[in-house]
Amino acid sequence: MADAAVQPDARTGGIVISDDWSGYSLDLFSYPAHYAGDLDSVIIPHGVIMDRTERLARDIMDDLGDHDIVVLCVLKGGYQFCVDLVDSIKALSCNSDRTIPMRVHFIRLKSYLNDQSTKDLHIIGAEELSFLAGKNVLIVEAIVGTGKTMSTLLKHVEAFRPKMIKVAGLLVKRVPDNSGCLPDYVGFEIPDWFVVGYALDYNEYFRDLNHICVINESAKMKYKI
């Protein structure tokens, strides 16, 4: 990704994917045949995601090592990132003199219809968070756009009076109306593209795609509801 990545962005700390990055040809990678004709390019290959996730785990270990934490996984898009991040933290805990005891809890956010964010945000499972009182919380989210959804979630979690809240986000979109609510740990900063794969979906399709890719316009019509 030498042509796409620059120095870590001072704003997010993530690897920056530039606006003029056209991605990798699909012919260079394996992907499910049932998505043939649906994708433009591979933006972030699975191996690069895994390497970056391992580094984020190390940063989290450096900051939160020896603290008990509750990992709050935001479903559905965040489940794969959460699984791989937790696995990386567990591996570090087994191979160093520092450790992070973890509990994992799941909530679900729903705010998209097709490729557009809606005004209505549904938080499913958030009413069962009273156990967060006095705890150190790590929210794990796949993608942050304007930051409005994350701001709403943070306010909801803060109402349960946790001791500390940190946020890990795999992707942050560069959008003009970002509210400034950015994750503490960022994998990649990307242009304002609608991306799928690595559990990110378009109307529940593409979650079974390992790489992060850009969906083409014909596929948006094909899977539109």
C-alpha atoms as a PDB file:
ATOM      1  CA  MET A   1       0.000   0.000   0.000  1.00  0.00           C
ATOM      2  CA  ALA A   2       2.983   2.282  -0.468  1.00  0.00           C
ATOM      3  CA  ASP A   3       1.094   4.484  -2.942  1.00  0.00           C
ATOM      4  CA  ALA A   4      -1.938   4.792  -0.693  1.00  0.00           C
ATOM      5  CA  ALA A   5      -0.489   5.241   2.765  1.00  0.00           C
ATOM      6  CA  VAL A   6       1.195   8.314   4.161  1.00  0.00           C
ATOM      7  CA  GLN A   7       2.503   9.140   7.607  1.00  0.00           C
ATOM      8  CA  PRO A   8       0.024   8.582  10.442  1.00  0.00           C
ATOM      9  CA  ASP A   9      -2.467  11.413  10.430  1.00  0.00           C
ATOM     10  CA  ALA A  10      -2.028  13.819  13.324  1.00  0.00           C
ATOM     11  CA  ARG A  11      -5.805  14.048  13.689  1.00  0.00           C
ATOM     12  CA  THR A  12      -6.603  10.343  13.937  1.00  0.00           C
ATOM     13  CA  GLY A  13      -3.304   8.507  14.306  1.00  0.00           C
ATOM     14  CA  GLY A  14      -4.480   6.079  11.634  1.00  0.00           C
ATOM     15  CA  ILE A  15      -2.969   5.105   8.287  1.00  0.00           C
ATOM     16  CA  VAL A  16      -4.293   7.527   5.691  1.00  0.00           C
ATOM     17  CA  ILE A  17      -5.754   6.262   2.416  1.00  0.00           C
ATOM     18  CA  SER A  18      -5.590   9.158  -0.033  1.00  0.00           C
ATOM     19  CA  ASP A  19      -8.520  10.377  -2.136  1.00  0.00           C
ATOM     20  CA  ASP A  20      -6.765   9.477  -5.387  1.00  0.00           C
ATOM     21  CA  TRP A  21      -6.012   5.878  -4.348  1.00  0.00           C
ATOM     22  CA  SER A  22      -7.700   3.635  -6.920  1.00  0.00           C
ATOM     23  CA  GLY A  23      -7.163   0.438  -4.952  1.00  0.00           C
ATOM     24  CA  TYR A  24      -5.832  -2.949  -5.959  1.00  0.00           C
ATOM     25  CA  SER A  25      -7.169  -4.955  -8.876  1.00  0.00           C
ATOM     26  CA  LEU A  26      -9.593  -7.674  -7.829  1.00  0.00           C
ATOM     27  CA  ASP A  27      -7.604 -10.094  -9.989  1.00  0.00           C
ATOM     28  CA  LEU A  28      -4.786 -10.001  -7.424  1.00  0.00           C
ATOM     29  CA  PHE A  29      -6.906 -11.491  -4.633  1.00  0.00           C
ATOM     30  CA  SER A  30      -9.242 -14.340  -3.828  1.00  0.00           C
ATOM     31  CA  TYR A  31     -12.831 -13.417  -2.987  1.00  0.00           C
ATOM     32  CA  PRO A  32     -16.210 -15.169  -3.112  1.00  0.00           C
ATOM     33  CA  ALA A  33     -17.270 -15.880  -6.694  1.00  0.00           C
ATOM     34  CA  HIS A  34     -20.853 -14.833  -5.905  1.00  0.00           C
ATOM     35  CA  TYR A  35     -19.620 -11.233  -5.709  1.00  0.00           C
ATOM     36  CA  ALA A  36     -18.093 -11.247  -9.185  1.00  0.00           C
ATOM     37  CA  GLY A  37     -19.088  -8.018 -10.923  1.00  0.00           C
ATOM     38  CA  ASP A  38     -20.154  -6.314  -7.687  1.00  0.00           C
ATOM     39  CA  LEU A  39     -16.881  -4.669  -6.628  1.00  0.00           C
ATOM     40  CA  ASP A  40     -14.649  -1.935  -8.010  1.00  0.00           C
ATOM     41  CA  SER A  41     -11.400  -2.722  -6.206  1.00  0.00           C
ATOM     42  CA  VAL A  42      -9.738  -3.914  -3.030  1.00  0.00           C
ATOM     43  CA  ILE A  43      -8.961  -0.909  -0.842  1.00  0.00           C
ATOM     44  CA  ILE A  44      -7.416  -2.658   2.169  1.00  0.00           C
ATOM     45  CA  PRO A  45      -6.360  -6.312   1.855  1.00  0.00           C
ATOM     46  CA  HIS A  46      -7.135  -8.682   4.706  1.00  0.00           C
ATOM     47  CA  GLY A  47      -3.478  -9.169   5.612  1.00  0.00           C
ATOM     48  CA  VAL A  48      -2.947  -5.434   6.017  1.00  0.00           C
ATOM     49  CA  ILE A  49      -6.026  -5.235   8.243  1.00  0.00           C
ATOM     50  CA  MET A  50      -4.626  -7.986  10.450  1.00  0.00           C
ATOM     51  CA  ASP A  51      -1.195  -6.358  10.736  1.00  0.00           C
ATOM     52  CA  ARG A  52      -2.709  -3.002  11.660  1.00  0.00           C
ATOM     53  CA  THR A  53      -5.033  -4.669  14.190  1.00  0.00           C
ATOM     54  CA  GLU A  54      -2.054  -6.307  15.885  1.00  0.00           C
ATOM     55  CA  ARG A  55      -0.428  -2.890  16.256  1.00  0.00           C
ATOM     56  CA  LEU A  56      -3.617  -1.392  17.701  1.00  0.00           C
ATOM     57  CA  ALA A  57      -3.691  -4.248  20.217  1.00  0.00           C
ATOM     58  CA  ARG A  58      -0.170  -3.365  21.274  1.00  0.00           C
ATOM     59  CA  ASP A  59      -1.107   0.313  21.684  1.00  0.00           C
ATOM     60  CA  ILE A  60      -4.109  -0.702  23.797  1.00  0.00           C
ATOM     61  CA  MET A  61      -1.906  -2.980  25.882  1.00  0.00           C
ATOM     62  CA  ASP A  62       0.553  -0.122  26.455  1.00  0.00           C
ATOM     63  CA  ASP A  63      -2.259   2.181  27.615  1.00  0.00           C
ATOM     64  CA  LEU A  64      -4.545  -0.204  29.475  1.00  0.00           C
ATOM     65  CA  GLY A  65      -2.312  -3.097  30.517  1.00  0.00           C
ATOM     66  CA  ASP A  66      -3.154  -4.511  33.964  1.00  0.00           C
ATOM     67  CA  HIS A  67      -6.604  -2.878  33.917  1.00  0.00           C
ATOM     68  CA  ASP A  68      -9.738  -5.008  33.836  1.00  0.00           C
ATOM     69  CA  ILE A  69     -11.778  -3.887  30.835  1.00  0.00           C
ATOM     70  CA  VAL A  70     -15.183  -4.525  29.337  1.00  0.00           C
ATOM     71  CA  VAL A  71     -15.023  -4.728  25.548  1.00  0.00           C
ATOM     72  CA  LEU A  72     -18.257  -3.370  24.088  1.00  0.00           C
ATOM     73  CA  CYS A  73     -18.534  -4.719  20.552  1.00  0.00           C
ATOM     74  CA  VAL A  74     -20.802  -2.763  18.206  1.00  0.00           C
ATOM     75  CA  LEU A  75     -22.658  -5.204  15.962  1.00  0.00           C
ATOM     76  CA  LYS A  76     -23.000  -6.162  13.283  1.00  0.00           C
ATOM     77  CA  GLY A  77     -20.193  -4.532  11.348  1.00  0.00           C
ATOM     78  CA  GLY A  78     -17.753  -4.521  14.240  1.00  0.00           C
ATOM     79  CA  TYR A  79     -17.806  -8.204  15.082  1.00  0.00           C
ATOM     80  CA  GLN A  80     -14.857  -9.322  12.901  1.00  0.00           C
ATOM     81  CA  PHE A  81     -12.644  -6.418  13.964  1.00  0.00           C
ATOM     82  CA  CYS A  82     -13.571  -7.068  17.585  1.00  0.00           C
ATOM     83  CA  VAL A  83     -12.772 -10.786  17.361  1.00  0.00           C
ATOM     84  CA  ASP A  84      -9.373 -10.155  15.774  1.00  0.00           C
ATOM     85  CA  LEU A  85      -8.535  -7.280  18.137  1.00  0.00           C
ATOM     86  CA  VAL A  86      -9.451  -9.315  21.230  1.00  0.00           C
ATOM     87  CA  ASP A  87      -7.448 -12.282  19.923  1.00  0.00           C
ATOM     88  CA  SER A  88      -4.420 -10.040  19.433  1.00  0.00           C
ATOM     89  CA  ILE A  89      -4.754  -8.598  22.939  1.00  0.00           C
ATOM     90  CA  LYS A  90      -5.055 -12.126  24.356  1.00  0.00           C
ATOM     91  CA  ALA A  91      -1.900 -13.190  22.509  1.00  0.00           C
ATOM     92  CA  LEU A  92       0.000 -10.232  23.953  1.00  0.00           C
ATOM     93  CA  SER A  93      -1.343 -11.013  27.425  1.00  0.00           C
ATOM     94  CA  CYS A  94       0.008 -14.567  27.135  1.00  0.00           C
ATOM     95  CA  ASN A  95       3.445 -13.490  25.938  1.00  0.00           C
ATOM     96  CA  SER A  96       4.347 -10.505  28.086  1.00  0.00           C
ATOM     97  CA  ASP A  97       4.530  -9.479  31.734  1.00  0.00           C
ATOM     98  CA  ARG A  98       1.433  -7.324  31.325  1.00  0.00           C
ATOM     99  CA  THR A  99      -2.098  -8.557  30.909  1.00  0.00           C
ATOM    100  CA  ILE A 100      -5.621  -7.259  30.315  1.00  0.00           C
ATOM    101  CA  PRO A 101      -8.470  -9.277  31.853  1.00  0.00           C
ATOM    102  CA  MET A 102     -11.398  -8.823  29.481  1.00  0.00           C
ATOM    103  CA  ARG A 103     -15.136  -9.313  29.382  1.00  0.00           C
ATOM    104  CA  VAL A 104     -16.934  -8.927  26.066  1.00  0.00           C
ATOM    105  CA  HIS A 105     -20.464  -7.596  25.666  1.00  0.00           C
ATOM    106  CA  PHE A 106     -22.410  -6.935  22.460  1.00  0.00           C
ATOM    107  CA  ILE A 107     -24.754  -4.191  21.361  1.00  0.00           C
ATOM    108  CA  ARG A 108     -26.198  -3.490  17.952  1.00  0.00           C
ATOM    109  CA  LEU A 109     -26.576  -0.167  16.158  1.00  0.00           C
ATOM    110  CA  LYS A 110     -28.724   0.275  13.072  1.00  0.00           C
ATOM    111  CA  SER A 111     -28.790   3.560  11.173  1.00  0.00           C
ATOM    112  CA  TYR A 112     -28.272   2.721   7.466  1.00  0.00           C
ATOM    113  CA  LEU A 113     -30.760   2.064   4.690  1.00  0.00           C
ATOM    114  CA  ASN A 114     -28.999   1.032   1.483  1.00  0.00           C
ATOM    115  CA  ASP A 115     -25.925   3.322   1.373  1.00  0.00           C
ATOM    116  CA  GLN A 116     -27.436   6.255   3.270  1.00  0.00           C
ATOM    117  CA  SER A 117     -27.350   6.963   6.988  1.00  0.00           C
ATOM    118  CA  THR A 118     -30.795   7.660   8.420  1.00  0.00           C
ATOM    119  CA  LYS A 119     -31.774  10.013  11.245  1.00  0.00           C
ATOM    120  CA  ASP A 120     -33.111   7.147  13.333  1.00  0.00           C
ATOM    121  CA  LEU A 121     -30.496   5.337  15.406  1.00  0.00           C
ATOM    122  CA  HIS A 122     -31.579   2.104  17.044  1.00  0.00           C
ATOM    123  CA  ILE A 123     -29.405   0.820  19.916  1.00  0.00           C
ATOM    124  CA  ILE A 124     -30.268  -2.806  20.611  1.00  0.00           C
ATOM    125  CA  GLY A 125     -28.996  -4.330  23.839  1.00  0.00           C
ATOM    126  CA  ALA A 126     -27.935  -1.016  25.348  1.00  0.00           C
ATOM    127  CA  GLU A 127     -30.547  -1.204  28.119  1.00  0.00           C
ATOM    128  CA  GLU A 128     -28.566  -4.009  29.798  1.00  0.00           C
ATOM    129  CA  LEU A 129     -25.430  -1.972  30.539  1.00  0.00           C
ATOM    130  CA  SER A 130     -25.828  -1.234  34.247  1.00  0.00           C
ATOM    131  CA  PHE A 131     -22.851  -3.521  34.933  1.00  0.00           C
ATOM    132  CA  LEU A 132     -20.570  -0.912  33.314  1.00  0.00           C
ATOM    133  CA  ALA A 133     -20.686   1.256  36.442  1.00  0.00           C
ATOM    134  CA  GLY A 134     -17.135   1.813  37.647  1.00  0.00           C
ATOM    135  CA  LYS A 135     -15.641  -0.281  34.820  1.00  0.00           C
ATOM    136  CA  ASN A 136     -13.038   0.519  32.176  1.00  0.00           C
ATOM    137  CA  VAL A 137     -14.825   0.250  28.803  1.00  0.00           C
ATOM    138  CA  LEU A 138     -13.337  -0.251  25.349  1.00  0.00           C
ATOM    139  CA  ILE A 139     -15.926   0.335  22.602  1.00  0.00           C
ATOM    140  CA  VAL A 140     -14.985  -1.473  19.387  1.00  0.00           C
ATOM    141  CA  GLU A 141     -16.559  -0.119  16.204  1.00  0.00           C
ATOM    142  CA  ALA A 142     -15.824  -0.945  12.569  1.00  0.00           C
ATOM    143  CA  ILE A 143     -16.350   2.481  10.998  1.00  0.00           C
ATOM    144  CA  VAL A 144     -16.926   6.085  12.087  1.00  0.00           C
ATOM    145  CA  GLY A 145     -18.283   8.645   9.630  1.00  0.00           C
ATOM    146  CA  THR A 146     -19.700  11.955  10.844  1.00  0.00           C
ATOM    147  CA  GLY A 147     -19.235  10.831  14.446  1.00  0.00           C
ATOM    148  CA  LYS A 148     -22.885  11.489  15.297  1.00  0.00           C
ATOM    149  CA  THR A 149     -23.665   7.828  15.895  1.00  0.00           C
ATOM    150  CA  MET A 150     -20.603   7.452  18.114  1.00  0.00           C
ATOM    151  CA  SER A 151     -21.493  10.622  20.045  1.00  0.00           C
ATOM    152  CA  THR A 152     -24.968   9.237  20.732  1.00  0.00           C
ATOM    153  CA  LEU A 153     -23.537   5.903  21.852  1.00  0.00           C
ATOM    154  CA  LEU A 154     -20.949   7.552  24.103  1.00  0.00           C
ATOM    155  CA  LYS A 155     -23.616   9.632  25.835  1.00  0.00           C
ATOM    156  CA  HIS A 156     -25.674   6.496  26.387  1.00  0.00           C
ATOM    157  CA  VAL A 157     -22.723   4.580  27.841  1.00  0.00           C
ATOM    158  CA  GLU A 158     -21.629   7.522  29.995  1.00  0.00           C
ATOM    159  CA  ALA A 159     -25.048   7.489  31.670  1.00  0.00           C
ATOM    160  CA  PHE A 160     -24.065   4.176  33.316  1.00  0.00           C
ATOM    161  CA  ARG A 161     -21.051   5.915  34.959  1.00  0.00           C
ATOM    162  CA  PRO A 162     -18.115   3.790  33.792  1.00  0.00           C
ATOM    163  CA  LYS A 163     -14.694   4.620  35.199  1.00  0.00           C
ATOM    164  CA  MET A 164     -13.160   5.184  31.747  1.00  0.00           C
ATOM    165  CA  ILE A 165     -14.221   4.894  28.106  1.00  0.00           C
ATOM    166  CA  LYS A 166     -11.885   4.333  25.170  1.00  0.00           C
ATOM    167  CA  VAL A 167     -12.909   3.735  21.548  1.00  0.00           C
ATOM    168  CA  ALA A 168     -11.174   1.606  18.920  1.00  0.00           C
ATOM    169  CA  GLY A 169     -12.310   2.169  15.347  1.00  0.00           C
ATOM    170  CA  LEU A 170     -10.978   0.250  12.372  1.00  0.00           C
ATOM    171  CA  LEU A 171     -11.990   2.923   9.848  1.00  0.00           C
ATOM    172  CA  VAL A 172     -12.622   6.657  10.063  1.00  0.00           C
ATOM    173  CA  LYS A 173     -14.153   8.343   7.022  1.00  0.00           C
ATOM    174  CA  ARG A 174     -12.916  11.746   5.920  1.00  0.00           C
ATOM    175  CA  VAL A 175     -16.225  13.582   5.731  1.00  0.00           C
ATOM    176  CA  PRO A 176     -16.824  17.350   5.786  1.00  0.00           C
ATOM    177  CA  ASP A 177     -19.379  17.222   8.607  1.00  0.00           C
ATOM    178  CA  ASN A 178     -17.362  15.150  11.091  1.00  0.00           C
ATOM    179  CA  SER A 179     -18.465  16.133  14.589  1.00  0.00           C
ATOM    180  CA  GLY A 180     -14.964  15.710  15.989  1.00  0.00           C
ATOM    181  CA  CYS A 181     -15.872  12.551  17.914  1.00  0.00           C
ATOM    182  CA  LEU A 182     -12.944  10.386  16.834  1.00  0.00           C
ATOM    183  CA  PRO A 183     -11.795   7.022  18.225  1.00  0.00           C
ATOM    184  CA  ASP A 184      -8.794   6.857  20.523  1.00  0.00           C
ATOM    185  CA  TYR A 185      -7.351   4.041  18.408  1.00  0.00           C
ATOM    186  CA  VAL A 186      -7.775   4.239  14.619  1.00  0.00           C
ATOM    187  CA  GLY A 187      -6.791   1.659  12.050  1.00  0.00           C
ATOM    188  CA  PHE A 188      -7.222   3.567   8.797  1.00  0.00           C
ATOM    189  CA  GLU A 189      -8.523   6.938   7.685  1.00  0.00           C
ATOM    190  CA  ILE A 190     -10.327   6.564   4.355  1.00  0.00           C
ATOM    191  CA  PRO A 191     -12.076   8.863   1.878  1.00  0.00           C
ATOM    192  CA  ASP A 192     -15.857   9.209   2.005  1.00  0.00           C
ATOM    193  CA  TRP A 193     -16.491   5.947   0.166  1.00  0.00           C
ATOM    194  CA  PHE A 194     -19.096   3.289   0.865  1.00  0.00           C
ATOM    195  CA  VAL A 195     -16.972   0.248   1.646  1.00  0.00           C
ATOM    196  CA  VAL A 196     -17.892  -3.372   2.299  1.00  0.00           C
ATOM    197  CA  GLY A 197     -16.176  -6.505   3.521  1.00  0.00           C
ATOM    198  CA  TYR A 198     -14.555  -7.656   6.758  1.00  0.00           C
ATOM    199  CA  ALA A 199     -18.088  -7.779   8.239  1.00  0.00           C
ATOM    200  CA  LEU A 200     -19.124  -4.402   6.786  1.00  0.00           C
ATOM    201  CA  ASP A 201     -22.265  -4.885   4.735  1.00  0.00           C
ATOM    202  CA  TYR A 202     -24.612  -3.445   2.175  1.00  0.00           C
ATOM    203  CA  ASN A 203     -28.101  -4.611   3.180  1.00  0.00           C
ATOM    204  CA  GLU A 204     -26.557  -7.686   4.856  1.00  0.00           C
ATOM    205  CA  TYR A 205     -24.478  -8.692   1.825  1.00  0.00           C
ATOM    206  CA  PHE A 206     -20.645  -8.726   1.697  1.00  0.00           C
ATOM    207  CA  ARG A 207     -20.051  -9.598   5.357  1.00  0.00           C
ATOM    208  CA  ASP A 208     -18.400 -12.809   4.095  1.00  0.00           C
ATOM    209  CA  LEU A 209     -15.763 -10.847   2.151  1.00  0.00           C
ATOM    210  CA  ASN A 210     -12.334 -10.801   3.840  1.00  0.00           C
ATOM    211  CA  HIS A 211     -10.939  -7.647   2.219  1.00  0.00           C
ATOM    212  CA  ILE A 212     -12.307  -4.121   2.498  1.00  0.00           C
ATOM    213  CA  CYS A 213     -13.559  -3.143  -0.952  1.00  0.00           C
ATOM    214  CA  VAL A 214     -15.541  -0.462  -2.742  1.00  0.00           C
ATOM    215  CA  ILE A 215     -18.921  -1.637  -3.998  1.00  0.00           C
ATOM    216  CA  ASN A 216     -19.877  -0.542  -7.510  1.00  0.00           C
ATOM    217  CA  GLU A 217     -23.070   1.241  -8.525  1.00  0.00           C
ATOM    218  CA  SER A 218     -24.617  -1.763 -10.276  1.00  0.00           C
ATOM    219  CA  ALA A 219     -24.292  -3.809  -7.077  1.00  0.00           C
ATOM    220  CA  LYS A 220     -26.004  -1.052  -5.088  1.00  0.00           C
ATOM    221  CA  MET A 221     -28.991  -1.394  -7.406  1.00  0.00           C
ATOM    222  CA  LYS A 222     -28.775  -5.197  -7.396  1.00  0.00           C
ATOM    223  CA  TYR A 223     -28.969  -5.472  -3.570  1.00  0.00           C
ATOM    224  CA  LYS A 224     -31.111  -2.394  -2.912  1.00  0.00           C
ATOM    225  CA  ILE A 225     -34.167  -2.761  -0.670  1.00  0.00           C
END
